[in-house]
mmCIF file of all heavy atoms, coordinates in Angstrom:
data_MODEL
# 
_entry.id   MODEL 
# 
loop_
_atom_site.group_PDB 
_atom_site.id 
_atom_site.type_symbol 
_atom_site.label_atom_id 
_atom_site.label_alt_id 
_atom_site.label_comp_id 
_atom_site.label_asym_id 
_atom_site.label_entity_id 
_atom_site.label_seq_id 
_atom_site.pdbx_PDB_ins_code 
_atom_site.Cartn_x 
_atom_site.Cartn_y 
_atom_site.Cartn_z 
_atom_site.occupancy 
_atom_site.B_iso_or_equiv 
_atom_site.pdbx_formal_charge 
_atom_site.auth_seq_id 
_atom_site.auth_comp_id 
_atom_site.auth_asym_id 
_atom_site.auth_atom_id 
_atom_site.pdbx_PDB_model_num 
ATOM 1   N N   . TYR A 1 1  ? 0.831   -1.200  0.000  1.00 0.00 ? 1  TYR A N   1 
ATOM 2   C CA  . TYR A 1 1  ? 0.000   0.000   0.000  1.00 0.00 ? 1  TYR A CA  1 
ATOM 3   C C   . TYR A 1 1  ? 0.871   1.258   0.000  1.00 0.00 ? 1  TYR A C   1 
ATOM 4   O O   . TYR A 1 1  ? 0.608   2.225   -0.721 1.00 0.00 ? 1  TYR A O   1 
ATOM 5   C CB  . TYR A 1 1  ? -0.905  -0.003  1.220  1.00 0.00 ? 1  TYR A CB  1 
ATOM 6   C CG  . TYR A 1 1  ? -1.966  1.075   1.213  1.00 0.00 ? 1  TYR A CG  1 
ATOM 7   C CD1 . TYR A 1 1  ? -3.221  0.842   0.650  1.00 0.00 ? 1  TYR A CD1 1 
ATOM 8   C CD2 . TYR A 1 1  ? -1.712  2.333   1.774  1.00 0.00 ? 1  TYR A CD2 1 
ATOM 9   C CE1 . TYR A 1 1  ? -4.192  1.830   0.633  1.00 0.00 ? 1  TYR A CE1 1 
ATOM 10  C CE2 . TYR A 1 1  ? -2.673  3.322   1.769  1.00 0.00 ? 1  TYR A CE2 1 
ATOM 11  C CZ  . TYR A 1 1  ? -3.913  3.068   1.200  1.00 0.00 ? 1  TYR A CZ  1 
ATOM 12  O OH  . TYR A 1 1  ? -4.867  4.049   1.190  1.00 0.00 ? 1  TYR A OH  1 
ATOM 13  N N   . ILE A 1 2  ? 1.946   1.219   0.798  1.00 0.00 ? 2  ILE A N   1 
ATOM 14  C CA  . ILE A 1 2  ? 2.794   2.401   0.961  1.00 0.00 ? 2  ILE A CA  1 
ATOM 15  C C   . ILE A 1 2  ? 3.812   2.526   -0.175 1.00 0.00 ? 2  ILE A C   1 
ATOM 16  O O   . ILE A 1 2  ? 4.022   3.620   -0.725 1.00 0.00 ? 2  ILE A O   1 
ATOM 17  C CB  . ILE A 1 2  ? 3.534   2.347   2.319  1.00 0.00 ? 2  ILE A CB  1 
ATOM 18  C CG1 . ILE A 1 2  ? 2.508   2.430   3.454  1.00 0.00 ? 2  ILE A CG1 1 
ATOM 19  C CG2 . ILE A 1 2  ? 4.552   3.469   2.441  1.00 0.00 ? 2  ILE A CG2 1 
ATOM 20  C CD1 . ILE A 1 2  ? 3.102   2.164   4.824  1.00 0.00 ? 2  ILE A CD1 1 
ATOM 21  N N   . LEU A 1 3  ? 4.427   1.404   -0.531 1.00 0.00 ? 3  LEU A N   1 
ATOM 22  C CA  . LEU A 1 3  ? 5.550   1.464   -1.466 1.00 0.00 ? 3  LEU A CA  1 
ATOM 23  C C   . LEU A 1 3  ? 5.191   1.182   -2.913 1.00 0.00 ? 3  LEU A C   1 
ATOM 24  O O   . LEU A 1 3  ? 5.939   1.554   -3.823 1.00 0.00 ? 3  LEU A O   1 
ATOM 25  C CB  . LEU A 1 3  ? 6.639   0.466   -1.027 1.00 0.00 ? 3  LEU A CB  1 
ATOM 26  C CG  . LEU A 1 3  ? 7.223   0.689   0.378  1.00 0.00 ? 3  LEU A CG  1 
ATOM 27  C CD1 . LEU A 1 3  ? 8.281   -0.366  0.672  1.00 0.00 ? 3  LEU A CD1 1 
ATOM 28  C CD2 . LEU A 1 3  ? 7.817   2.098   0.501  1.00 0.00 ? 3  LEU A CD2 1 
ATOM 29  N N   . VAL A 1 4  ? 4.095   0.499   -3.151 1.00 0.00 ? 4  VAL A N   1 
ATOM 30  C CA  . VAL A 1 4  ? 3.771   0.125   -4.533 1.00 0.00 ? 4  VAL A CA  1 
ATOM 31  C C   . VAL A 1 4  ? 2.550   0.882   -5.035 1.00 0.00 ? 4  VAL A C   1 
ATOM 32  O O   . VAL A 1 4  ? 2.661   1.805   -5.846 1.00 0.00 ? 4  VAL A O   1 
ATOM 33  C CB  . VAL A 1 4  ? 3.544   -1.402  -4.641 1.00 0.00 ? 4  VAL A CB  1 
ATOM 34  C CG1 . VAL A 1 4  ? 3.239   -1.795  -6.091 1.00 0.00 ? 4  VAL A CG1 1 
ATOM 35  C CG2 . VAL A 1 4  ? 4.780   -2.153  -4.149 1.00 0.00 ? 4  VAL A CG2 1 
ATOM 36  N N   . SER A 1 5  ? 1.360   0.471   -4.564 1.00 0.00 ? 5  SER A N   1 
ATOM 37  C CA  . SER A 1 5  ? 0.152   1.098   -5.098 1.00 0.00 ? 5  SER A CA  1 
ATOM 38  C C   . SER A 1 5  ? -1.045  0.865   -4.172 1.00 0.00 ? 5  SER A C   1 
ATOM 39  O O   . SER A 1 5  ? -1.437  -0.290  -3.973 1.00 0.00 ? 5  SER A O   1 
ATOM 40  C CB  . SER A 1 5  ? -0.159  0.537   -6.486 1.00 0.00 ? 5  SER A CB  1 
ATOM 41  O OG  . SER A 1 5  ? -1.443  0.919   -6.913 1.00 0.00 ? 5  SER A OG  1 
ATOM 42  N N   . PRO A 1 6  ? -1.626  1.900   -3.597 1.00 0.00 ? 6  PRO A N   1 
ATOM 43  C CA  . PRO A 1 6  ? -2.842  1.741   -2.799 1.00 0.00 ? 6  PRO A CA  1 
ATOM 44  C C   . PRO A 1 6  ? -3.978  1.127   -3.615 1.00 0.00 ? 6  PRO A C   1 
ATOM 45  O O   . PRO A 1 6  ? -4.756  0.325   -3.104 1.00 0.00 ? 6  PRO A O   1 
ATOM 46  C CB  . PRO A 1 6  ? -3.182  3.178   -2.380 1.00 0.00 ? 6  PRO A CB  1 
ATOM 47  C CG  . PRO A 1 6  ? -1.878  3.903   -2.453 1.00 0.00 ? 6  PRO A CG  1 
ATOM 48  C CD  . PRO A 1 6  ? -1.143  3.284   -3.603 1.00 0.00 ? 6  PRO A CD  1 
ATOM 49  N N   . THR A 1 7  ? -4.035  1.516   -4.903 1.00 0.00 ? 7  THR A N   1 
ATOM 50  C CA  . THR A 1 7  ? -5.105  0.985   -5.761 1.00 0.00 ? 7  THR A CA  1 
ATOM 51  C C   . THR A 1 7  ? -4.999  -0.525  -5.896 1.00 0.00 ? 7  THR A C   1 
ATOM 52  O O   . THR A 1 7  ? -6.002  -1.249  -5.857 1.00 0.00 ? 7  THR A O   1 
ATOM 53  C CB  . THR A 1 7  ? -5.033  1.630   -7.159 1.00 0.00 ? 7  THR A CB  1 
ATOM 54  O OG1 . THR A 1 7  ? -5.140  3.043   -7.030 1.00 0.00 ? 7  THR A OG1 1 
ATOM 55  C CG2 . THR A 1 7  ? -6.143  1.100   -8.057 1.00 0.00 ? 7  THR A CG2 1 
ATOM 56  N N   . LEU A 1 8  ? -3.771  -1.027  -6.074 1.00 0.00 ? 8  LEU A N   1 
ATOM 57  C CA  . LEU A 1 8  ? -3.552  -2.456  -6.233 1.00 0.00 ? 8  LEU A CA  1 
ATOM 58  C C   . LEU A 1 8  ? -4.023  -3.218  -5.000 1.00 0.00 ? 8  LEU A C   1 
ATOM 59  O O   . LEU A 1 8  ? -4.676  -4.263  -5.121 1.00 0.00 ? 8  LEU A O   1 
ATOM 60  C CB  . LEU A 1 8  ? -2.069  -2.731  -6.481 1.00 0.00 ? 8  LEU A CB  1 
ATOM 61  C CG  . LEU A 1 8  ? -1.681  -4.194  -6.749 1.00 0.00 ? 8  LEU A CG  1 
ATOM 62  C CD1 . LEU A 1 8  ? -2.351  -4.691  -8.022 1.00 0.00 ? 8  LEU A CD1 1 
ATOM 63  C CD2 . LEU A 1 8  ? -0.163  -4.321  -6.860 1.00 0.00 ? 8  LEU A CD2 1 
ATOM 64  N N   . VAL A 1 9  ? -3.733  -2.679  -3.827 1.00 0.00 ? 9  VAL A N   1 
ATOM 65  C CA  . VAL A 1 9  ? -4.162  -3.323  -2.580 1.00 0.00 ? 9  VAL A CA  1 
ATOM 66  C C   . VAL A 1 9  ? -5.677  -3.306  -2.470 1.00 0.00 ? 9  VAL A C   1 
ATOM 67  O O   . VAL A 1 9  ? -6.300  -4.307  -2.091 1.00 0.00 ? 9  VAL A O   1 
ATOM 68  C CB  . VAL A 1 9  ? -3.512  -2.640  -1.359 1.00 0.00 ? 9  VAL A CB  1 
ATOM 69  C CG1 . VAL A 1 9  ? -4.096  -3.196  -0.065 1.00 0.00 ? 9  VAL A CG1 1 
ATOM 70  C CG2 . VAL A 1 9  ? -2.014  -2.826  -1.379 1.00 0.00 ? 9  VAL A CG2 1 
ATOM 71  N N   . ASN A 1 10 ? -6.295  -2.172  -2.797 1.00 0.00 ? 10 ASN A N   1 
ATOM 72  C CA  . ASN A 1 10 ? -7.756  -2.075  -2.718 1.00 0.00 ? 10 ASN A CA  1 
ATOM 73  C C   . ASN A 1 10 ? -8.425  -3.052  -3.688 1.00 0.00 ? 10 ASN A C   1 
ATOM 74  O O   . ASN A 1 10 ? -9.441  -3.683  -3.350 1.00 0.00 ? 10 ASN A O   1 
ATOM 75  C CB  . ASN A 1 10 ? -8.206  -0.645  -3.023 1.00 0.00 ? 10 ASN A CB  1 
ATOM 76  C CG  . ASN A 1 10 ? -7.828  0.322   -1.925 1.00 0.00 ? 10 ASN A CG  1 
ATOM 77  O OD1 . ASN A 1 10 ? -7.705  -0.079  -0.748 1.00 0.00 ? 10 ASN A OD1 1 
ATOM 78  N ND2 . ASN A 1 10 ? -7.621  1.590   -2.258 1.00 0.00 ? 10 ASN A ND2 1 
ATOM 79  N N   . VAL A 1 11 ? -7.871  -3.169  -4.886 1.00 0.00 ? 11 VAL A N   1 
ATOM 80  C CA  . VAL A 1 11 ? -8.418  -4.117  -5.862 1.00 0.00 ? 11 VAL A CA  1 
ATOM 81  C C   . VAL A 1 11 ? -8.279  -5.549  -5.337 1.00 0.00 ? 11 VAL A C   1 
ATOM 82  O O   . VAL A 1 11 ? -9.197  -6.369  -5.468 1.00 0.00 ? 11 VAL A O   1 
ATOM 83  C CB  . VAL A 1 11 ? -7.713  -3.961  -7.222 1.00 0.00 ? 11 VAL A CB  1 
ATOM 84  C CG1 . VAL A 1 11 ? -8.098  -5.110  -8.158 1.00 0.00 ? 11 VAL A CG1 1 
ATOM 85  C CG2 . VAL A 1 11 ? -8.067  -2.628  -7.844 1.00 0.00 ? 11 VAL A CG2 1 
ATOM 86  N N   . PHE A 1 12 ? -7.126  -5.847  -4.765 1.00 0.00 ? 12 PHE A N   1 
ATOM 87  C CA  . PHE A 1 12 ? -6.896  -7.187  -4.217 1.00 0.00 ? 12 PHE A CA  1 
ATOM 88  C C   . PHE A 1 12 ? -7.916  -7.521  -3.126 1.00 0.00 ? 12 PHE A C   1 
ATOM 89  O O   . PHE A 1 12 ? -8.525  -8.601  -3.132 1.00 0.00 ? 12 PHE A O   1 
ATOM 90  C CB  . PHE A 1 12 ? -5.483  -7.275  -3.640 1.00 0.00 ? 12 PHE A CB  1 
ATOM 91  C CG  . PHE A 1 12 ? -5.213  -8.533  -2.870 1.00 0.00 ? 12 PHE A CG  1 
ATOM 92  C CD1 . PHE A 1 12 ? -4.957  -9.733  -3.526 1.00 0.00 ? 12 PHE A CD1 1 
ATOM 93  C CD2 . PHE A 1 12 ? -5.240  -8.530  -1.475 1.00 0.00 ? 12 PHE A CD2 1 
ATOM 94  C CE1 . PHE A 1 12 ? -4.723  -10.902 -2.815 1.00 0.00 ? 12 PHE A CE1 1 
ATOM 95  C CE2 . PHE A 1 12 ? -5.007  -9.691  -0.749 1.00 0.00 ? 12 PHE A CE2 1 
ATOM 96  C CZ  . PHE A 1 12 ? -4.751  -10.876 -1.422 1.00 0.00 ? 12 PHE A CZ  1 
ATOM 97  N N   . LEU A 1 13 ? -8.128  -6.589  -2.195 1.00 0.00 ? 13 LEU A N   1 
ATOM 98  C CA  . LEU A 1 13 ? -9.079  -6.815  -1.110 1.00 0.00 ? 13 LEU A CA  1 
ATOM 99  C C   . LEU A 1 13 ? -10.504 -6.981  -1.634 1.00 0.00 ? 13 LEU A C   1 
ATOM 100 O O   . LEU A 1 13 ? -11.258 -7.835  -1.161 1.00 0.00 ? 13 LEU A O   1 
ATOM 101 C CB  . LEU A 1 13 ? -9.009  -5.674  -0.102 1.00 0.00 ? 13 LEU A CB  1 
ATOM 102 C CG  . LEU A 1 13 ? -7.707  -5.576  0.713  1.00 0.00 ? 13 LEU A CG  1 
ATOM 103 C CD1 . LEU A 1 13 ? -7.702  -4.319  1.568  1.00 0.00 ? 13 LEU A CD1 1 
ATOM 104 C CD2 . LEU A 1 13 ? -7.535  -6.812  1.589  1.00 0.00 ? 13 LEU A CD2 1 
ATOM 105 N N   . ALA A 1 14 ? -10.869 -6.144  -2.610 1.00 0.00 ? 14 ALA A N   1 
ATOM 106 C CA  . ALA A 1 14 ? -12.219 -6.241  -3.187 1.00 0.00 ? 14 ALA A CA  1 
ATOM 107 C C   . ALA A 1 14 ? -12.399 -7.568  -3.912 1.00 0.00 ? 14 ALA A C   1 
ATOM 108 O O   . ALA A 1 14 ? -13.465 -8.207  -3.822 1.00 0.00 ? 14 ALA A O   1 
ATOM 109 C CB  . ALA A 1 14 ? -12.456 -5.074  -4.149 1.00 0.00 ? 14 ALA A CB  1 
ATOM 110 N N   . THR A 1 15 ? -11.357 -8.012  -4.610 1.00 0.00 ? 15 THR A N   1 
ATOM 111 C CA  . THR A 1 15 ? -11.423 -9.283  -5.336 1.00 0.00 ? 15 THR A CA  1 
ATOM 112 C C   . THR A 1 15 ? -11.573 -10.451 -4.367 1.00 0.00 ? 15 THR A C   1 
ATOM 113 O O   . THR A 1 15 ? -12.385 -11.354 -4.586 1.00 0.00 ? 15 THR A O   1 
ATOM 114 C CB  . THR A 1 15 ? -10.158 -9.476  -6.190 1.00 0.00 ? 15 THR A CB  1 
ATOM 115 O OG1 . THR A 1 15 ? -10.037 -8.388  -7.116 1.00 0.00 ? 15 THR A OG1 1 
ATOM 116 C CG2 . THR A 1 15 ? -10.225 -10.796 -6.954 1.00 0.00 ? 15 THR A CG2 1 
ATOM 117 N N   . VAL A 1 16 ? -10.774 -10.438 -3.302 1.00 0.00 ? 16 VAL A N   1 
ATOM 118 C CA  . VAL A 1 16 ? -10.847 -11.512 -2.310 1.00 0.00 ? 16 VAL A CA  1 
ATOM 119 C C   . VAL A 1 16 ? -12.219 -11.549 -1.654 1.00 0.00 ? 16 VAL A C   1 
ATOM 120 O O   . VAL A 1 16 ? -12.806 -12.628 -1.470 1.00 0.00 ? 16 VAL A O   1 
ATOM 121 C CB  . VAL A 1 16 ? -9.740  -11.339 -1.245 1.00 0.00 ? 16 VAL A CB  1 
ATOM 122 C CG1 . VAL A 1 16 ? -9.965  -12.297 -0.079 1.00 0.00 ? 16 VAL A CG1 1 
ATOM 123 C CG2 . VAL A 1 16 ? -8.371  -11.575 -1.854 1.00 0.00 ? 16 VAL A CG2 1 
ATOM 124 N N   . THR A 1 17 ? -12.754 -10.379 -1.310 1.00 0.00 ? 17 THR A N   1 
ATOM 125 C CA  . THR A 1 17 ? -14.072 -10.320 -0.672 1.00 0.00 ? 17 THR A CA  1 
ATOM 126 C C   . THR A 1 17 ? -15.161 -10.850 -1.602 1.00 0.00 ? 17 THR A C   1 
ATOM 127 O O   . THR A 1 17 ? -16.017 -11.647 -1.197 1.00 0.00 ? 17 THR A O   1 
ATOM 128 C CB  . THR A 1 17 ? -14.404 -8.869  -0.264 1.00 0.00 ? 17 THR A CB  1 
ATOM 129 O OG1 . THR A 1 17 ? -13.398 -8.395  0.643  1.00 0.00 ? 17 THR A OG1 1 
ATOM 130 C CG2 . THR A 1 17 ? -15.761 -8.801  0.409  1.00 0.00 ? 17 THR A CG2 1 
ATOM 131 N N   . THR A 1 18 ? -15.121 -10.418 -2.854 1.00 0.00 ? 18 THR A N   1 
ATOM 132 C CA  . THR A 1 18 ? -16.123 -10.858 -3.826 1.00 0.00 ? 18 THR A CA  1 
ATOM 133 C C   . THR A 1 18 ? -16.021 -12.367 -4.073 1.00 0.00 ? 18 THR A C   1 
ATOM 134 O O   . THR A 1 18 ? -17.033 -13.076 -4.104 1.00 0.00 ? 18 THR A O   1 
ATOM 135 C CB  . THR A 1 18 ? -15.939 -10.113 -5.156 1.00 0.00 ? 18 THR A CB  1 
ATOM 136 O OG1 . THR A 1 18 ? -16.039 -8.713  -4.931 1.00 0.00 ? 18 THR A OG1 1 
ATOM 137 C CG2 . THR A 1 18 ? -16.989 -10.544 -6.166 1.00 0.00 ? 18 THR A CG2 1 
ATOM 138 N N   . ALA A 1 19 ? -14.797 -12.844 -4.247 1.00 0.00 ? 19 ALA A N   1 
ATOM 139 C CA  . ALA A 1 19 ? -14.587 -14.275 -4.493 1.00 0.00 ? 19 ALA A CA  1 
ATOM 140 C C   . ALA A 1 19 ? -15.068 -15.108 -3.306 1.00 0.00 ? 19 ALA A C   1 
ATOM 141 O O   . ALA A 1 19 ? -15.652 -16.188 -3.482 1.00 0.00 ? 19 ALA A O   1 
ATOM 142 C CB  . ALA A 1 19 ? -13.118 -14.550 -4.769 1.00 0.00 ? 19 ALA A CB  1 
ATOM 143 N N   . SER A 1 20 ? -14.846 -14.600 -2.091 1.00 0.00 ? 20 SER A N   1 
ATOM 144 C CA  . SER A 1 20 ? -15.280 -15.317 -0.891 1.00 0.00 ? 20 SER A CA  1 
ATOM 145 C C   . SER A 1 20 ? -16.797 -15.418 -0.827 1.00 0.00 ? 20 SER A C   1 
ATOM 146 O O   . SER A 1 20 ? -17.353 -16.476 -0.509 1.00 0.00 ? 20 SER A O   1 
ATOM 147 C CB  . SER A 1 20 ? -14.743 -14.616 0.367  1.00 0.00 ? 20 SER A CB  1 
ATOM 148 O OG  . SER A 1 20 ? -13.333 -14.617 0.395  1.00 0.00 ? 20 SER A OG  1 
ATOM 149 N N   . LEU A 1 21 ? -17.474 -14.313 -1.143 1.00 0.00 ? 21 LEU A N   1 
ATOM 150 C CA  . LEU A 1 21 ? -18.940 -14.325 -1.123 1.00 0.00 ? 21 LEU A CA  1 
ATOM 151 C C   . LEU A 1 21 ? -19.489 -15.277 -2.179 1.00 0.00 ? 21 LEU A C   1 
ATOM 152 O O   . LEU A 1 21 ? -20.444 -16.024 -1.926 1.00 0.00 ? 21 LEU A O   1 
ATOM 153 C CB  . LEU A 1 21 ? -19.468 -12.907 -1.343 1.00 0.00 ? 21 LEU A CB  1 
ATOM 154 C CG  . LEU A 1 21 ? -19.228 -11.913 -0.202 1.00 0.00 ? 21 LEU A CG  1 
ATOM 155 C CD1 . LEU A 1 21 ? -19.656 -10.504 -0.616 1.00 0.00 ? 21 LEU A CD1 1 
ATOM 156 C CD2 . LEU A 1 21 ? -19.991 -12.345 1.052  1.00 0.00 ? 21 LEU A CD2 1 
ATOM 157 N N   . ILE A 1 22 ? -18.891 -15.239 -3.371 1.00 0.00 ? 22 ILE A N   1 
ATOM 158 C CA  . ILE A 1 22 ? -19.332 -16.132 -4.443 1.00 0.00 ? 22 ILE A CA  1 
ATOM 159 C C   . ILE A 1 22 ? -19.124 -17.586 -4.033 1.00 0.00 ? 22 ILE A C   1 
ATOM 160 O O   . ILE A 1 22 ? -19.990 -18.441 -4.242 1.00 0.00 ? 22 ILE A O   1 
ATOM 161 C CB  . ILE A 1 22 ? -18.579 -15.828 -5.752 1.00 0.00 ? 22 ILE A CB  1 
ATOM 162 C CG1 . ILE A 1 22 ? -18.994 -14.455 -6.290 1.00 0.00 ? 22 ILE A CG1 1 
ATOM 163 C CG2 . ILE A 1 22 ? -18.848 -16.915 -6.802 1.00 0.00 ? 22 ILE A CG2 1 
ATOM 164 C CD1 . ILE A 1 22 ? -18.187 -13.997 -7.490 1.00 0.00 ? 22 ILE A CD1 1 
ATOM 165 N N   . TYR A 1 23 ? -17.977 -17.867 -3.438 1.00 0.00 ? 23 TYR A N   1 
ATOM 166 C CA  . TYR A 1 23 ? -17.678 -19.240 -3.011 1.00 0.00 ? 23 TYR A CA  1 
ATOM 167 C C   . TYR A 1 23 ? -18.672 -19.715 -1.954 1.00 0.00 ? 23 TYR A C   1 
ATOM 168 O O   . TYR A 1 23 ? -19.156 -20.855 -2.018 1.00 0.00 ? 23 TYR A O   1 
ATOM 169 C CB  . TYR A 1 23 ? -16.259 -19.327 -2.447 1.00 0.00 ? 23 TYR A CB  1 
ATOM 170 C CG  . TYR A 1 23 ? -15.946 -20.682 -1.854 1.00 0.00 ? 23 TYR A CG  1 
ATOM 171 C CD1 . TYR A 1 23 ? -15.587 -21.755 -2.658 1.00 0.00 ? 23 TYR A CD1 1 
ATOM 172 C CD2 . TYR A 1 23 ? -16.053 -20.901 -0.474 1.00 0.00 ? 23 TYR A CD2 1 
ATOM 173 C CE1 . TYR A 1 23 ? -15.327 -23.009 -2.127 1.00 0.00 ? 23 TYR A CE1 1 
ATOM 174 C CE2 . TYR A 1 23 ? -15.796 -22.147 0.075  1.00 0.00 ? 23 TYR A CE2 1 
ATOM 175 C CZ  . TYR A 1 23 ? -15.438 -23.196 -0.748 1.00 0.00 ? 23 TYR A CZ  1 
ATOM 176 O OH  . TYR A 1 23 ? -15.193 -24.431 -0.214 1.00 0.00 ? 23 TYR A OH  1 
ATOM 177 N N   . ILE A 1 24 ? -18.979 -18.861 -0.993 1.00 0.00 ? 24 ILE A N   1 
ATOM 178 C CA  . ILE A 1 24 ? -19.903 -19.240 0.072  1.00 0.00 ? 24 ILE A CA  1 
ATOM 179 C C   . ILE A 1 24 ? -21.282 -19.568 -0.501 1.00 0.00 ? 24 ILE A C   1 
ATOM 180 O O   . ILE A 1 24 ? -21.887 -20.593 -0.164 1.00 0.00 ? 24 ILE A O   1 
ATOM 181 C CB  . ILE A 1 24 ? -20.008 -18.116 1.128  1.00 0.00 ? 24 ILE A CB  1 
ATOM 182 C CG1 . ILE A 1 24 ? -18.675 -18.007 1.897  1.00 0.00 ? 24 ILE A CG1 1 
ATOM 183 C CG2 . ILE A 1 24 ? -21.154 -18.387 2.098  1.00 0.00 ? 24 ILE A CG2 1 
ATOM 184 C CD1 . ILE A 1 24 ? -18.611 -16.797 2.809  1.00 0.00 ? 24 ILE A CD1 1 
ATOM 185 N N   . VAL A 1 25 ? -21.784 -18.691 -1.381 1.00 0.00 ? 25 VAL A N   1 
ATOM 186 C CA  . VAL A 1 25 ? -23.097 -18.920 -1.980 1.00 0.00 ? 25 VAL A CA  1 
ATOM 187 C C   . VAL A 1 25 ? -23.092 -20.190 -2.817 1.00 0.00 ? 25 VAL A C   1 
ATOM 188 O O   . VAL A 1 25 ? -23.992 -21.036 -2.719 1.00 0.00 ? 25 VAL A O   1 
ATOM 189 C CB  . VAL A 1 25 ? -23.521 -17.704 -2.832 1.00 0.00 ? 25 VAL A CB  1 
ATOM 190 C CG1 . VAL A 1 25 ? -24.805 -18.023 -3.592 1.00 0.00 ? 25 VAL A CG1 1 
ATOM 191 C CG2 . VAL A 1 25 ? -23.710 -16.475 -1.961 1.00 0.00 ? 25 VAL A CG2 1 
ATOM 192 N N   . PHE A 1 26 ? -22.059 -20.350 -3.657 1.00 0.00 ? 26 PHE A N   1 
ATOM 193 C CA  . PHE A 1 26 ? -21.963 -21.536 -4.500 1.00 0.00 ? 26 PHE A CA  1 
ATOM 194 C C   . PHE A 1 26 ? -21.886 -22.802 -3.654 1.00 0.00 ? 26 PHE A C   1 
ATOM 195 O O   . PHE A 1 26 ? -22.532 -23.814 -3.958 1.00 0.00 ? 26 PHE A O   1 
ATOM 196 C CB  . PHE A 1 26 ? -20.729 -21.443 -5.400 1.00 0.00 ? 26 PHE A CB  1 
ATOM 197 C CG  . PHE A 1 26 ? -20.479 -22.692 -6.206 1.00 0.00 ? 26 PHE A CG  1 
ATOM 198 C CD1 . PHE A 1 26 ? -21.193 -22.948 -7.359 1.00 0.00 ? 26 PHE A CD1 1 
ATOM 199 C CD2 . PHE A 1 26 ? -19.534 -23.631 -5.786 1.00 0.00 ? 26 PHE A CD2 1 
ATOM 200 C CE1 . PHE A 1 26 ? -20.974 -24.104 -8.098 1.00 0.00 ? 26 PHE A CE1 1 
ATOM 201 C CE2 . PHE A 1 26 ? -19.315 -24.793 -6.508 1.00 0.00 ? 26 PHE A CE2 1 
ATOM 202 C CZ  . PHE A 1 26 ? -20.030 -25.028 -7.672 1.00 0.00 ? 26 PHE A CZ  1 
ATOM 203 N N   . SER A 1 27 ? -21.098 -22.749 -2.586 1.00 0.00 ? 27 SER A N   1 
ATOM 204 C CA  . SER A 1 27 ? -20.930 -23.917 -1.718 1.00 0.00 ? 27 SER A CA  1 
ATOM 205 C C   . SER A 1 27 ? -22.249 -24.324 -1.080 1.00 0.00 ? 27 SER A C   1 
ATOM 206 O O   . SER A 1 27 ? -22.582 -25.508 -1.009 1.00 0.00 ? 27 SER A O   1 
ATOM 207 C CB  . SER A 1 27 ? -19.894 -23.606 -0.638 1.00 0.00 ? 27 SER A CB  1 
ATOM 208 O OG  . SER A 1 27 ? -19.714 -24.699 0.226  1.00 0.00 ? 27 SER A OG  1 
ATOM 209 N N   . LEU A 1 28 ? -23.019 -23.338 -0.622 1.00 0.00 ? 28 LEU A N   1 
ATOM 210 C CA  . LEU A 1 28 ? -24.312 -23.632 0.008  1.00 0.00 ? 28 LEU A CA  1 
ATOM 211 C C   . LEU A 1 28 ? -25.284 -24.249 -0.998 1.00 0.00 ? 28 LEU A C   1 
ATOM 212 O O   . LEU A 1 28 ? -25.960 -25.240 -0.695 1.00 0.00 ? 28 LEU A O   1 
ATOM 213 C CB  . LEU A 1 28 ? -24.902 -22.358 0.610  1.00 0.00 ? 28 LEU A CB  1 
ATOM 214 C CG  . LEU A 1 28 ? -24.184 -21.791 1.841  1.00 0.00 ? 28 LEU A CG  1 
ATOM 215 C CD1 . LEU A 1 28 ? -24.765 -20.433 2.216  1.00 0.00 ? 28 LEU A CD1 1 
ATOM 216 C CD2 . LEU A 1 28 ? -24.295 -22.757 3.017  1.00 0.00 ? 28 LEU A CD2 1 
ATOM 217 N N   . VAL A 1 29 ? -25.352 -23.659 -2.186 1.00 0.00 ? 29 VAL A N   1 
ATOM 218 C CA  . VAL A 1 29 ? -26.276 -24.162 -3.205 1.00 0.00 ? 29 VAL A CA  1 
ATOM 219 C C   . VAL A 1 29 ? -25.839 -25.547 -3.688 1.00 0.00 ? 29 VAL A C   1 
ATOM 220 O O   . VAL A 1 29 ? -26.647 -26.474 -3.780 1.00 0.00 ? 29 VAL A O   1 
ATOM 221 C CB  . VAL A 1 29 ? -26.348 -23.181 -4.396 1.00 0.00 ? 29 VAL A CB  1 
ATOM 222 C CG1 . VAL A 1 29 ? -27.178 -23.776 -5.533 1.00 0.00 ? 29 VAL A CG1 1 
ATOM 223 C CG2 . VAL A 1 29 ? -26.941 -21.854 -3.943 1.00 0.00 ? 29 VAL A CG2 1 
ATOM 224 N N   . TYR A 1 30 ? -24.556 -25.694 -3.977 1.00 0.00 ? 30 TYR A N   1 
ATOM 225 C CA  . TYR A 1 30 ? -24.036 -26.975 -4.465 1.00 0.00 ? 30 TYR A CA  1 
ATOM 226 C C   . TYR A 1 30 ? -24.252 -28.067 -3.417 1.00 0.00 ? 30 TYR A C   1 
ATOM 227 O O   . TYR A 1 30 ? -24.683 -29.186 -3.735 1.00 0.00 ? 30 TYR A O   1 
ATOM 228 C CB  . TYR A 1 30 ? -22.552 -26.836 -4.780 1.00 0.00 ? 30 TYR A CB  1 
ATOM 229 C CG  . TYR A 1 30 ? -21.898 -28.128 -5.213 1.00 0.00 ? 30 TYR A CG  1 
ATOM 230 C CD1 . TYR A 1 30 ? -22.128 -28.661 -6.479 1.00 0.00 ? 30 TYR A CD1 1 
ATOM 231 C CD2 . TYR A 1 30 ? -21.033 -28.821 -4.361 1.00 0.00 ? 30 TYR A CD2 1 
ATOM 232 C CE1 . TYR A 1 30 ? -21.529 -29.846 -6.891 1.00 0.00 ? 30 TYR A CE1 1 
ATOM 233 C CE2 . TYR A 1 30 ? -20.425 -30.009 -4.754 1.00 0.00 ? 30 TYR A CE2 1 
ATOM 234 C CZ  . TYR A 1 30 ? -20.677 -30.511 -6.014 1.00 0.00 ? 30 TYR A CZ  1 
ATOM 235 O OH  . TYR A 1 30 ? -20.085 -31.680 -6.407 1.00 0.00 ? 30 TYR A OH  1 
ATOM 236 N N   . GLY A 1 31 ? -23.978 -27.738 -2.156 1.00 0.00 ? 31 GLY A N   1 
ATOM 237 C CA  . GLY A 1 31 ? -24.164 -28.713 -1.086 1.00 0.00 ? 31 GLY A CA  1 
ATOM 238 C C   . GLY A 1 31 ? -25.610 -29.164 -0.972 1.00 0.00 ? 31 GLY A C   1 
ATOM 239 O O   . GLY A 1 31 ? -25.886 -30.357 -0.798 1.00 0.00 ? 31 GLY A O   1 
# 
């Protein structure tokens, strides 16, 4: 965040959060 790019970190966090939500929903439905 400090040395490279705040945007890159924010994108990474948003991607992880979105992927986690998708996985949880998919896992519940698939199960």
